[in-house]
Protein backbone atom coordinates (compact mmCIF):
# COMPACT_ATOMS: atom_id res chain seq x y z
CA MET A 1 -62.12 15.66 -43.99
CA LYS A 2 -59.76 13.13 -45.56
CA ARG A 3 -56.80 15.41 -44.86
CA LYS A 4 -57.86 15.70 -41.23
CA ILE A 5 -58.10 11.92 -40.88
CA PHE A 6 -54.69 11.59 -42.52
CA TRP A 7 -53.07 13.90 -40.00
CA ILE A 8 -54.80 12.19 -37.12
CA ILE A 9 -53.39 8.85 -38.30
CA ILE A 10 -49.94 10.40 -38.66
CA LEU A 11 -50.11 11.85 -35.16
CA ILE A 12 -51.12 8.46 -33.79
CA LEU A 13 -48.51 6.50 -35.74
CA LEU A 14 -45.52 8.78 -35.10
CA PRO A 15 -45.25 8.09 -31.35
CA ILE A 16 -45.77 4.37 -31.98
CA ILE A 17 -43.03 4.32 -34.64
CA LEU A 18 -40.73 6.32 -32.39
CA ILE A 19 -41.29 3.98 -29.44
CA LEU A 20 -40.79 0.90 -31.62
CA THR A 21 -37.59 2.39 -33.06
CA LEU A 22 -36.23 3.06 -29.58
CA PHE A 23 -37.01 -0.48 -28.43
CA VAL A 24 -35.47 -1.99 -31.56
CA ASN A 25 -32.37 0.16 -31.05
CA ASN A 26 -32.17 -0.86 -27.38
CA PHE A 27 -32.44 -4.53 -28.37
CA ILE A 28 -29.60 -4.14 -30.88
CA VAL A 29 -27.45 -2.27 -28.34
CA PHE A 30 -28.23 -4.81 -25.63
CA ASN A 31 -26.73 -7.56 -27.78
CA ASN A 32 -23.57 -5.48 -28.14
CA ILE A 33 -23.03 -5.27 -24.37
CA TYR A 34 -21.32 -8.40 -23.11
CA TYR A 35 -18.17 -9.98 -21.72
CA GLN A 36 -16.53 -13.30 -22.56
CA ILE A 37 -14.20 -14.95 -20.06
CA SER A 38 -12.24 -18.08 -20.90
CA TYR A 39 -9.92 -20.16 -18.68
CA GLU A 40 -7.83 -22.59 -20.70
CA THR A 41 -5.94 -24.91 -18.37
CA ASN A 42 -6.11 -28.60 -17.57
CA ILE A 43 -3.39 -28.57 -14.91
CA LEU A 44 -4.25 -30.46 -11.75
CA ASN A 45 -4.16 -27.41 -9.43
CA SER A 46 -5.71 -24.99 -11.92
CA ASN A 47 -7.73 -23.07 -9.33
CA GLU A 48 -4.63 -22.33 -7.25
CA ILE A 49 -2.80 -21.16 -10.36
CA ILE A 50 -5.65 -18.84 -11.35
CA VAL A 51 -5.86 -17.37 -7.85
CA LYS A 52 -2.08 -16.87 -7.74
CA ALA A 53 -2.01 -15.04 -11.06
CA GLU A 54 -5.13 -12.93 -10.51
CA THR A 55 -4.40 -11.85 -6.92
CA PHE A 56 -0.65 -11.25 -7.17
CA GLU A 57 0.23 -7.79 -5.79
CA TYR A 58 1.49 -6.46 -9.10
CA HIS A 59 1.78 -2.84 -7.95
CA GLN A 60 4.28 -3.87 -5.26
CA TYR A 61 6.62 -5.58 -7.71
CA LEU A 62 6.11 -4.38 -11.27
CA LYS A 63 8.46 -1.77 -12.68
CA MET A 64 7.66 0.22 -15.80
CA HIS A 65 10.21 1.10 -18.48
CA ASP A 66 8.94 3.98 -20.61
CA PRO A 67 10.40 4.94 -24.04
CA TYR A 68 12.73 7.47 -22.37
CA GLY A 69 14.41 4.76 -20.29
CA ILE A 70 12.88 5.95 -17.04
CA THR A 71 12.01 3.19 -14.57
CA GLN A 72 9.12 3.77 -12.20
CA ASN A 73 6.76 1.80 -10.01
CA VAL A 74 3.46 0.74 -11.55
CA THR A 75 0.52 2.36 -9.76
CA LYS A 76 -2.07 0.24 -8.02
CA PHE A 77 -5.30 -0.42 -9.89
CA ASN A 78 -7.70 2.42 -9.11
CA GLN A 79 -11.36 2.10 -10.02
CA SER A 80 -11.55 5.83 -10.71
CA LEU A 81 -8.91 5.52 -13.45
CA TYR A 82 -9.33 4.07 -16.92
CA GLN A 83 -5.70 3.39 -17.71
CA PHE A 84 -4.88 -0.14 -16.57
CA ASN A 85 -1.27 -1.32 -16.43
CA TYR A 86 -1.80 -5.00 -15.67
CA ILE A 87 -4.47 -7.69 -15.38
CA ASN A 88 -5.70 -8.83 -11.98
CA ARG A 89 -8.98 -9.92 -10.45
CA ASP A 90 -9.93 -6.39 -9.35
CA TYR A 91 -9.57 -5.18 -12.93
CA VAL A 92 -11.60 -8.06 -14.39
CA ASP A 93 -14.35 -7.75 -11.76
CA PHE A 94 -14.49 -3.98 -12.22
CA ILE A 95 -15.10 -4.26 -15.98
CA LYS A 96 -17.60 -7.10 -15.51
CA ASP A 97 -19.54 -4.97 -13.02
CA LYS A 98 -19.53 -1.98 -15.40
CA ILE A 99 -20.98 -4.14 -18.16
CA ASP A 100 -23.54 -5.82 -15.87
CA GLN A 101 -24.74 -2.38 -14.77
CA ASP A 102 -24.81 -1.20 -18.38
CA ARG A 103 -27.07 -4.10 -19.36
CA LYS A 104 -29.68 -2.89 -16.85
CA ARG A 105 -30.02 0.50 -18.54
CA PHE A 106 -32.25 1.51 -21.43
CA HIS A 107 -30.06 2.71 -24.30
CA TRP A 108 -31.30 5.57 -26.44
CA TRP A 109 -28.30 6.12 -28.69
CA PRO A 110 -27.31 3.92 -31.66
CA PHE A 111 -23.73 2.82 -32.45
CA TYR A 112 -23.13 1.73 -28.87
CA TYR A 113 -20.72 -1.12 -28.04
CA HIS A 114 -19.43 -2.37 -24.70
CA HIS A 115 -17.28 -5.50 -25.07
CA PHE A 116 -14.81 -7.22 -22.76
CA ASN A 117 -12.88 -10.36 -23.69
CA TYR A 118 -10.57 -12.06 -21.22
CA LYS A 119 -8.55 -15.21 -21.87
CA PHE A 120 -6.44 -16.99 -19.27
CA ASN A 121 -4.15 -19.74 -20.55
CA ALA A 122 -1.85 -21.86 -18.37
CA THR A 123 0.43 -24.64 -19.60
CA GLU A 124 3.13 -26.78 -18.01
CA GLN A 125 6.55 -26.32 -19.59
CA SER A 126 9.29 -28.85 -18.95
CA LYS A 127 11.80 -26.38 -20.42
CA LEU A 128 11.51 -22.65 -20.89
CA TYR A 129 14.35 -20.34 -21.92
CA PHE A 130 14.37 -16.95 -20.23
CA SER A 131 16.69 -14.08 -21.25
CA TYR A 132 17.19 -11.17 -18.88
CA SER A 133 19.62 -8.82 -17.14
CA ASN A 134 19.58 -7.32 -13.65
CA THR A 135 17.53 -4.37 -14.90
CA THR A 136 15.13 -5.79 -17.48
CA LEU A 137 14.01 -8.91 -19.31
CA PHE A 138 14.39 -9.52 -23.03
CA ASN A 139 12.45 -12.57 -24.16
CA ALA A 140 11.19 -16.06 -23.38
CA THR A 141 11.08 -19.03 -25.73
CA TYR A 142 9.68 -22.54 -25.66
CA GLU A 143 11.86 -25.64 -25.79
CA SER A 144 11.24 -25.69 -29.56
CA MET A 145 12.74 -22.15 -29.64
CA LYS A 146 9.38 -20.72 -30.67
CA GLU A 147 8.93 -17.26 -29.20
CA VAL A 148 6.70 -16.73 -26.16
CA PHE A 149 7.36 -13.00 -26.17
CA THR A 150 10.05 -10.49 -27.00
CA VAL A 151 10.22 -7.23 -25.09
CA GLU A 152 9.62 -4.21 -27.30
CA TYR A 153 12.71 -2.14 -28.06
CA ASP A 154 12.41 1.54 -28.94
CA GLU A 155 15.11 2.12 -31.56
CA TYR A 156 14.77 5.90 -31.43
CA TYR A 157 15.43 6.18 -27.68
CA GLY A 158 17.42 2.95 -27.44
CA ASN A 159 15.45 1.46 -24.56
CA PHE A 160 13.43 -1.65 -23.79
CA MET A 161 9.84 -0.85 -22.84
CA GLY A 162 7.12 -2.49 -20.78
CA ASN A 163 6.22 -3.52 -17.25
CA TRP A 164 8.30 -6.27 -15.68
CA TYR A 165 9.26 -8.13 -12.52
CA ILE A 166 12.02 -10.68 -11.94
CA ASN A 167 12.17 -12.74 -8.76
CA PHE A 168 15.90 -12.90 -8.01
CA THR A 169 15.34 -15.43 -5.25
CA HIS A 170 14.48 -17.91 -8.04
CA VAL A 171 16.91 -16.81 -10.75
CA PRO A 172 20.53 -15.68 -10.30
CA LYS A 173 21.66 -12.07 -10.63
CA VAL A 174 23.93 -11.59 -13.61
CA PHE A 175 26.79 -9.25 -14.43
CA ASN A 176 26.56 -8.98 -18.19
CA GLN A 177 24.02 -7.29 -20.42
CA SER A 178 22.07 -10.43 -21.27
CA TYR A 179 21.86 -13.88 -19.75
CA THR A 180 19.76 -16.83 -20.90
CA LEU A 181 18.58 -19.26 -18.25
CA LEU A 182 16.91 -22.62 -18.74
CA LEU A 183 13.88 -22.90 -16.48
CA ASN A 184 12.72 -26.44 -15.73
CA ASN A 185 9.19 -27.55 -14.83
CA THR A 186 7.52 -24.16 -14.93
CA ILE A 187 3.93 -23.07 -15.44
CA LEU A 188 3.57 -20.49 -18.17
CA ILE A 189 0.54 -18.21 -17.91
CA ARG A 190 -0.64 -15.99 -20.72
CA MET A 191 -3.41 -13.49 -20.01
CA PHE A 192 -5.09 -11.30 -22.63
CA THR A 193 -7.87 -8.72 -22.39
CA ASP A 194 -9.62 -6.58 -24.99
CA TYR A 195 -11.94 -3.84 -23.77
CA ASP A 196 -13.94 -1.74 -26.25
CA TYR A 197 -16.41 0.87 -25.06
CA VAL A 198 -17.98 2.98 -27.82
CA TYR A 199 -20.83 5.27 -26.79
CA GLY A 200 -22.25 6.63 -30.03
CA ASN A 201 -20.81 9.93 -31.19
CA LEU A 202 -19.93 10.88 -27.61
CA GLY A 203 -16.63 9.03 -27.40
CA ALA A 204 -14.78 5.74 -27.20
CA GLU A 205 -12.34 3.85 -24.99
CA THR A 206 -10.21 0.91 -26.07
CA TYR A 207 -7.68 -1.05 -23.98
CA HIS A 208 -5.66 -4.09 -25.00
CA ILE A 209 -3.48 -5.82 -22.41
CA LYS A 210 -1.18 -8.83 -22.68
CA GLN A 211 0.46 -10.40 -19.66
CA TYR A 212 2.96 -13.24 -19.22
CA ILE A 213 3.81 -14.97 -15.96
CA ALA A 214 6.11 -17.88 -15.15
CA LEU A 215 5.47 -19.84 -11.96
CA SER A 216 7.72 -22.40 -10.35
CA SER A 217 6.38 -25.87 -9.54
CA ASP A 218 5.49 -24.63 -6.05
CA LEU A 219 3.63 -21.64 -7.58
CA GLN A 220 6.18 -18.96 -6.81
CA VAL A 221 6.35 -16.15 -9.36
CA ILE A 222 9.60 -16.26 -11.34
CA PHE A 223 8.93 -13.37 -13.70
CA VAL A 224 6.12 -11.17 -15.02
CA TYR A 225 6.09 -9.26 -18.29
CA VAL A 226 3.35 -6.86 -19.38
CA PRO A 227 3.91 -4.91 -22.61
CA LEU A 228 2.93 -1.26 -22.43
CA VAL A 229 -0.86 -1.12 -22.56
CA GLN A 230 -2.38 -0.17 -25.90
CA PHE A 231 -5.19 2.27 -25.28
CA MET A 232 -7.25 4.94 -26.99
CA VAL A 233 -9.62 7.44 -25.43
CA ALA A 234 -11.51 9.69 -27.82
């Protein structure tokens, strides 16, 4: 009789424990599904600057240098693709929507993470040094000579890599391999995103993008530099 009662209790408790475990797991997973978006700028026309940077038609202007020295156009952001070559509003909204939809689901599997961090930083620079040629850019430095960025150089293939655009209506064309220009009264924009999507033992996706933009005082794009995107799909 006691054994029978014992098994009855077990049969009653097992579903309860299972249900509680699933809800606890879902609660833990739910707290690991989020995005953080930060705009760091105190410039008077900040909204215009943000709109300019996030809605610029990057695919029409950006060129990609791969390690083999081949230059090609950067493809337009496509919501069916997971490899992103630049940061714009469509990309940010797409990831936000994915995470918002994910937060509405019940999650059965443990070890599930869905994070997106986006930081937009804009500062006014009275002087900015910009080194470039007619076919690529090399680096940018602050007035103090502190580095803003340096374009990655592949020593094995002997090529500079990354996605870039130079507006030659705002800077002169040059005839040597490298030319350094002093830019006055520019707005320097730095954009960073980290996207981590880990769905248990089923797979993972990770994308890290950096992006640098210089705007003139009348908000015309002078140059754009996006290092080759770091990504992992497993």
